[in-house]
């Protein structure tokens, strides 16, 4: 995993109809993730979004 990807610990997850979560964006700062999540919630009110902390997996 490149160094740049290891810096992005905050992610926005979206709940899909089959009860599966998918990561749709990653951010370095929590405030950036929360701001983008608020935008997504306003833009797509029927979808469920969550800000999650995602640890990078060591290879």
PDB file of N, CA and C in Angstrom:
ATOM      1  N   UNK A   1       0.842  -1.165   0.000  1.00  0.00           N
ATOM      2  CA  UNK A   1       0.000   0.000   0.000  1.00  0.00           C
ATOM      3  C   UNK A   1       0.898   1.242   0.000  1.00  0.00           C
ATOM      4  N   UNK A   2       0.680   2.151  -0.924  1.00  0.00           N
ATOM      5  CA  UNK A   2       1.500   3.362  -0.975  1.00  0.00           C
ATOM      6  C   UNK A   2       1.326   4.220   0.282  1.00  0.00           C
ATOM      7  N   UNK A   3       2.344   5.000   0.586  1.00  0.00           N
ATOM      8  CA  UNK A   3       2.345   5.840   1.779  1.00  0.00           C
ATOM      9  C   UNK A   3       1.135   6.769   1.796  1.00  0.00           C
ATOM     10  N   UNK A   4       0.793   7.345   0.669  1.00  0.00           N
ATOM     11  CA  UNK A   4      -0.327   8.280   0.583  1.00  0.00           C
ATOM     12  C   UNK A   4      -1.637   7.626   1.028  1.00  0.00           C
ATOM     13  N   UNK A   5      -1.863   6.385   0.661  1.00  0.00           N
ATOM     14  CA  UNK A   5      -3.087   5.682   1.049  1.00  0.00           C
ATOM     15  C   UNK A   5      -3.106   5.368   2.539  1.00  0.00           C
ATOM     16  N   UNK A   6      -1.940   5.190   3.149  1.00  0.00           N
ATOM     17  CA  UNK A   6      -1.889   4.882   4.578  1.00  0.00           C
ATOM     18  C   UNK A   6      -2.269   6.081   5.438  1.00  0.00           C
ATOM     19  N   UNK A   7      -2.282   7.277   4.868  1.00  0.00           N
ATOM     20  CA  UNK A   7      -2.638   8.469   5.621  1.00  0.00           C
ATOM     21  C   UNK A   7      -4.142   8.679   5.722  1.00  0.00           C
ATOM     22  N   UNK A   8      -4.916   8.019   4.899  1.00  0.00           N
ATOM     23  CA  UNK A   8      -6.354   8.235   4.854  1.00  0.00           C
ATOM     24  C   UNK A   8      -7.067   7.245   5.768  1.00  0.00           C
ATOM     25  N   UNK A   9      -7.268   7.653   7.017  1.00  0.00           N
ATOM     26  CA  UNK A   9      -7.874   6.756   7.992  1.00  0.00           C
ATOM     27  C   UNK A   9      -9.379   6.936   8.111  1.00  0.00           C
ATOM     28  N   UNK A  10      -9.907   8.106   7.779  1.00  0.00           N
ATOM     29  CA  UNK A  10     -11.335   8.368   7.900  1.00  0.00           C
ATOM     30  C   UNK A  10     -12.003   8.073   6.584  1.00  0.00           C
ATOM     31  N   UNK A  11     -13.125   7.396   6.650  1.00  0.00           N
ATOM     32  CA  UNK A  11     -13.816   6.995   5.427  1.00  0.00           C
ATOM     33  C   UNK A  11     -15.317   7.238   5.581  1.00  0.00           C
ATOM     34  N   UNK A  12     -15.970   7.368   4.433  1.00  0.00           N
ATOM     35  CA  UNK A  12     -17.421   7.446   4.403  1.00  0.00           C
ATOM     36  C   UNK A  12     -17.919   6.138   3.820  1.00  0.00           C
ATOM     37  N   UNK A  13     -18.796   5.486   4.575  1.00  0.00           N
ATOM     38  CA  UNK A  13     -19.375   4.221   4.140  1.00  0.00           C
ATOM     39  C   UNK A  13     -20.848   4.441   3.819  1.00  0.00           C
ATOM     40  N   UNK A  14     -21.321   3.756   2.798  1.00  0.00           N
ATOM     41  CA  UNK A  14     -22.729   3.826   2.415  1.00  0.00           C
ATOM     42  C   UNK A  14     -23.352   2.450   2.563  1.00  0.00           C
ATOM     43  N   UNK A  15     -24.537   2.406   3.158  1.00  0.00           N
ATOM     44  CA  UNK A  15     -25.263   1.151   3.321  1.00  0.00           C
ATOM     45  C   UNK A  15     -26.027   0.857   2.040  1.00  0.00           C
ATOM     46  N   UNK A  16     -25.770  -0.311   1.471  1.00  0.00           N
ATOM     47  CA  UNK A  16     -26.461  -0.746   0.263  1.00  0.00           C
ATOM     48  C   UNK A  16     -27.715  -1.537   0.641  1.00  0.00           C
ATOM     49  N   UNK A  17     -28.639  -1.725  -0.300  1.00  0.00           N
ATOM     50  CA  UNK A  17     -29.890  -2.427   0.007  1.00  0.00           C
ATOM     51  C   UNK A  17     -29.715  -3.826   0.586  1.00  0.00           C
ATOM     52  N   UNK A  18     -28.675  -4.535   0.230  1.00  0.00           N
ATOM     53  CA  UNK A  18     -28.470  -5.905   0.721  1.00  0.00           C
ATOM     54  C   UNK A  18     -27.749  -5.928   2.076  1.00  0.00           C
ATOM     55  N   UNK A  19     -27.811  -4.821   2.821  1.00  0.00           N
ATOM     56  CA  UNK A  19     -27.177  -4.692   4.131  1.00  0.00           C
ATOM     57  C   UNK A  19     -25.652  -4.821   4.070  1.00  0.00           C
ATOM     58  N   UNK A  20     -25.062  -4.440   2.956  1.00  0.00           N
ATOM     59  CA  UNK A  20     -23.610  -4.407   2.798  1.00  0.00           C
ATOM     60  C   UNK A  20     -23.140  -2.965   2.835  1.00  0.00           C
ATOM     61  N   UNK A  21     -22.005  -2.736   3.474  1.00  0.00           N
ATOM     62  CA  UNK A  21     -21.414  -1.402   3.493  1.00  0.00           C
ATOM     63  C   UNK A  21     -20.343  -1.316   2.423  1.00  0.00           C
ATOM     64  N   UNK A  22     -20.258  -0.162   1.757  1.00  0.00           N
ATOM     65  CA  UNK A  22     -19.212   0.075   0.775  1.00  0.00           C
ATOM     66  C   UNK A  22     -18.562   1.421   1.104  1.00  0.00           C
ATOM     67  N   UNK A  23     -17.225   1.459   1.060  1.00  0.00           N
ATOM     68  CA  UNK A  23     -16.489   2.693   1.297  1.00  0.00           C
ATOM     69  C   UNK A  23     -16.535   3.512   0.015  1.00  0.00           C
ATOM     70  N   UNK A  24     -16.990   4.756   0.111  1.00  0.00           N
ATOM     71  CA  UNK A  24     -17.095   5.566  -1.101  1.00  0.00           C
ATOM     72  C   UNK A  24     -16.080   6.698  -1.150  1.00  0.00           C
ATOM     73  N   UNK A  25     -15.477   7.049   0.006  1.00  0.00           N
ATOM     74  CA  UNK A  25     -14.453   8.098   0.017  1.00  0.00           C
ATOM     75  C   UNK A  25     -13.589   7.940   1.255  1.00  0.00           C
ATOM     76  N   UNK A  26     -12.337   8.389   1.151  1.00  0.00           N
ATOM     77  CA  UNK A  26     -11.413   8.336   2.283  1.00  0.00           C
ATOM     78  C   UNK A  26     -10.800   9.716   2.485  1.00  0.00           C
ATOM     79  N   UNK A  27     -10.526  10.043   3.754  1.00  0.00           N
ATOM     80  CA  UNK A  27     -10.029  11.367   4.096  1.00  0.00           C
ATOM     81  C   UNK A  27      -8.946  11.272   5.157  1.00  0.00           C
ATOM     82  N   UNK A  28      -8.084  12.271   5.185  1.00  0.00           N
ATOM     83  CA  UNK A  28      -7.038  12.343   6.191  1.00  0.00           C
ATOM     84  C   UNK A  28      -7.584  12.919   7.496  1.00  0.00           C
ATOM     85  N   UNK A  29      -8.481  13.874   7.400  1.00  0.00           N
ATOM     86  CA  UNK A  29      -9.030  14.519   8.590  1.00  0.00           C
ATOM     87  C   UNK A  29     -10.491  14.128   8.807  1.00  0.00           C
ATOM     88  N   UNK A  30     -10.838  13.936  10.064  1.00  0.00           N
ATOM     89  CA  UNK A  30     -12.214  13.574  10.402  1.00  0.00           C
ATOM     90  C   UNK A  30     -13.182  14.695  10.017  1.00  0.00           C
ATOM     91  N   UNK A  31     -12.783  15.930  10.235  1.00  0.00           N
ATOM     92  CA  UNK A  31     -13.666  17.051   9.912  1.00  0.00           C
ATOM     93  C   UNK A  31     -13.976  17.108   8.419  1.00  0.00           C
ATOM     94  N   UNK A  32     -13.006  16.767   7.585  1.00  0.00           N
ATOM     95  CA  UNK A  32     -13.249  16.712   6.140  1.00  0.00           C
ATOM     96  C   UNK A  32     -14.263  15.617   5.806  1.00  0.00           C
ATOM     97  N   UNK A  33     -14.111  14.470   6.440  1.00  0.00           N
ATOM     98  CA  UNK A  33     -15.034  13.359   6.200  1.00  0.00           C
ATOM     99  C   UNK A  33     -16.440  13.711   6.658  1.00  0.00           C
ATOM    100  N   UNK A  34     -16.558  14.347   7.829  1.00  0.00           N
ATOM    101  CA  UNK A  34     -17.880  14.716   8.329  1.00  0.00           C
ATOM    102  C   UNK A  34     -18.538  15.773   7.456  1.00  0.00           C
ATOM    103  N   UNK A  35     -17.759  16.722   6.958  1.00  0.00           N
ATOM    104  CA  UNK A  35     -18.297  17.744   6.068  1.00  0.00           C
ATOM    105  C   UNK A  35     -18.800  17.155   4.762  1.00  0.00           C
ATOM    106  N   UNK A  36     -18.021  16.245   4.198  1.00  0.00           N
ATOM    107  CA  UNK A  36     -18.443  15.606   2.942  1.00  0.00           C
ATOM    108  C   UNK A  36     -19.641  14.690   3.176  1.00  0.00           C
ATOM    109  N   UNK A  37     -19.667  14.034   4.319  1.00  0.00           N
ATOM    110  CA  UNK A  37     -20.799  13.167   4.659  1.00  0.00           C
ATOM    111  C   UNK A  37     -22.074  14.000   4.793  1.00  0.00           C
ATOM    112  N   UNK A  38     -21.983  15.174   5.403  1.00  0.00           N
ATOM    113  CA  UNK A  38     -23.149  16.054   5.525  1.00  0.00           C
ATOM    114  C   UNK A  38     -23.638  16.476   4.142  1.00  0.00           C
ATOM    115  N   UNK A  39     -22.711  16.767   3.244  1.00  0.00           N
ATOM    116  CA  UNK A  39     -23.084  17.111   1.880  1.00  0.00           C
ATOM    117  C   UNK A  39     -23.801  15.947   1.194  1.00  0.00           C
ATOM    118  N   UNK A  40     -23.272  14.742   1.352  1.00  0.00           N
ATOM    119  CA  UNK A  40     -23.893  13.571   0.739  1.00  0.00           C
ATOM    120  C   UNK A  40     -25.289  13.318   1.312  1.00  0.00           C
ATOM    121  N   UNK A  41     -25.444  13.505   2.611  1.00  0.00           N
ATOM    122  CA  UNK A  41     -26.763  13.300   3.235  1.00  0.00           C
ATOM    123  C   UNK A  41     -27.791  14.295   2.703  1.00  0.00           C
ATOM    124  N   UNK A  42     -27.355  15.542   2.436  1.00  0.00           N
ATOM    125  CA  UNK A  42     -28.267  16.530   1.858  1.00  0.00           C
ATOM    126  C   UNK A  42     -28.562  16.220   0.398  1.00  0.00           C
ATOM    127  N   UNK A  43     -27.557  15.740  -0.324  1.00  0.00           N
ATOM    128  CA  UNK A  43     -27.700  15.465  -1.755  1.00  0.00           C
ATOM    129  C   UNK A  43     -28.519  14.209  -2.028  1.00  0.00           C
ATOM    130  N   UNK A  44     -28.329  13.185  -1.197  1.00  0.00           N
ATOM    131  CA  UNK A  44     -29.016  11.899  -1.378  1.00  0.00           C
ATOM    132  C   UNK A  44     -29.693  11.544  -0.052  1.00  0.00           C
ATOM    133  N   UNK A  45     -30.845  12.148   0.236  1.00  0.00           N
ATOM    134  CA  UNK A  45     -31.466  11.936   1.556  1.00  0.00           C
ATOM    135  C   UNK A  45     -31.962  10.518   1.814  1.00  0.00           C
ATOM    136  N   UNK A  46     -32.198   9.722   0.782  1.00  0.00           N
ATOM    137  CA  UNK A  46     -32.695   8.363   0.976  1.00  0.00           C
ATOM    138  C   UNK A  46     -31.597   7.356   1.304  1.00  0.00           C
ATOM    139  N   UNK A  47     -30.346   7.732   1.143  1.00  0.00           N
ATOM    140  CA  UNK A  47     -29.229   6.815   1.398  1.00  0.00           C
ATOM    141  C   UNK A  47     -28.714   7.008   2.831  1.00  0.00           C
ATOM    142  N   UNK A  48     -28.096   5.962   3.359  1.00  0.00           N
ATOM    143  CA  UNK A  48     -27.494   6.026   4.690  1.00  0.00           C
ATOM    144  C   UNK A  48     -25.978   6.081   4.552  1.00  0.00           C
ATOM    145  N   UNK A  49     -25.370   7.078   5.198  1.00  0.00           N
ATOM    146  CA  UNK A  49     -23.926   7.257   5.184  1.00  0.00           C
ATOM    147  C   UNK A  49     -23.416   7.312   6.608  1.00  0.00           C
ATOM    148  N   UNK A  50     -22.203   6.812   6.831  1.00  0.00           N
ATOM    149  CA  UNK A  50     -21.550   6.853   8.135  1.00  0.00           C
ATOM    150  C   UNK A  50     -20.081   7.226   7.940  1.00  0.00           C
ATOM    151  N   UNK A  51     -19.564   8.017   8.877  1.00  0.00           N
ATOM    152  CA  UNK A  51     -18.135   8.297   8.923  1.00  0.00           C
ATOM    153  C   UNK A  51     -17.522   7.229   9.807  1.00  0.00           C
ATOM    154  N   UNK A  52     -16.530   6.526   9.294  1.00  0.00           N
ATOM    155  CA  UNK A  52     -15.903   5.427  10.038  1.00  0.00           C
ATOM    156  C   UNK A  52     -14.392   5.625  10.070  1.00  0.00           C
ATOM    157  N   UNK A  53     -13.769   5.068  11.100  1.00  0.00           N
ATOM    158  CA  UNK A  53     -12.311   5.058  11.211  1.00  0.00           C
ATOM    159  C   UNK A  53     -11.834   3.735  10.648  1.00  0.00           C
ATOM    160  N   UNK A  54     -10.980   3.805   9.641  1.00  0.00           N
ATOM    161  CA  UNK A  54     -10.534   2.597   8.957  1.00  0.00           C
ATOM    162  C   UNK A  54      -9.027   2.446   9.123  1.00  0.00           C
ATOM    163  N   UNK A  55      -8.626   1.408   9.816  1.00  0.00           N
ATOM    164  CA  UNK A  55      -7.198   1.140   9.988  1.00  0.00           C
ATOM    165  C   UNK A  55      -6.618   0.538   8.714  1.00  0.00           C
ATOM    166  N   UNK A  56      -5.426   0.984   8.371  1.00  0.00           N
ATOM    167  CA  UNK A  56      -4.746   0.430   7.198  1.00  0.00           C
ATOM    168  C   UNK A  56      -4.239  -0.962   7.534  1.00  0.00           C
ATOM    169  N   UNK A  57      -4.448  -1.885   6.631  1.00  0.00           N
ATOM    170  CA  UNK A  57      -3.966  -3.255   6.816  1.00  0.00           C
ATOM    171  C   UNK A  57      -2.500  -3.331   6.425  1.00  0.00           C
ATOM    172  N   UNK A  58      -1.710  -3.934   7.262  1.00  0.00           N
ATOM    173  CA  UNK A  58      -0.293  -4.131   6.968  1.00  0.00           C
ATOM    174  C   UNK A  58      -0.138  -5.298   6.015  1.00  0.00           C
ATOM    175  N   UNK A  59       0.685  -5.133   5.006  1.00  0.00           N
ATOM    176  CA  UNK A  59       0.892  -6.206   4.029  1.00  0.00           C
ATOM    177  C   UNK A  59       2.040  -7.094   4.428  1.00  0.00           C
TER     178      UNK A  59
END
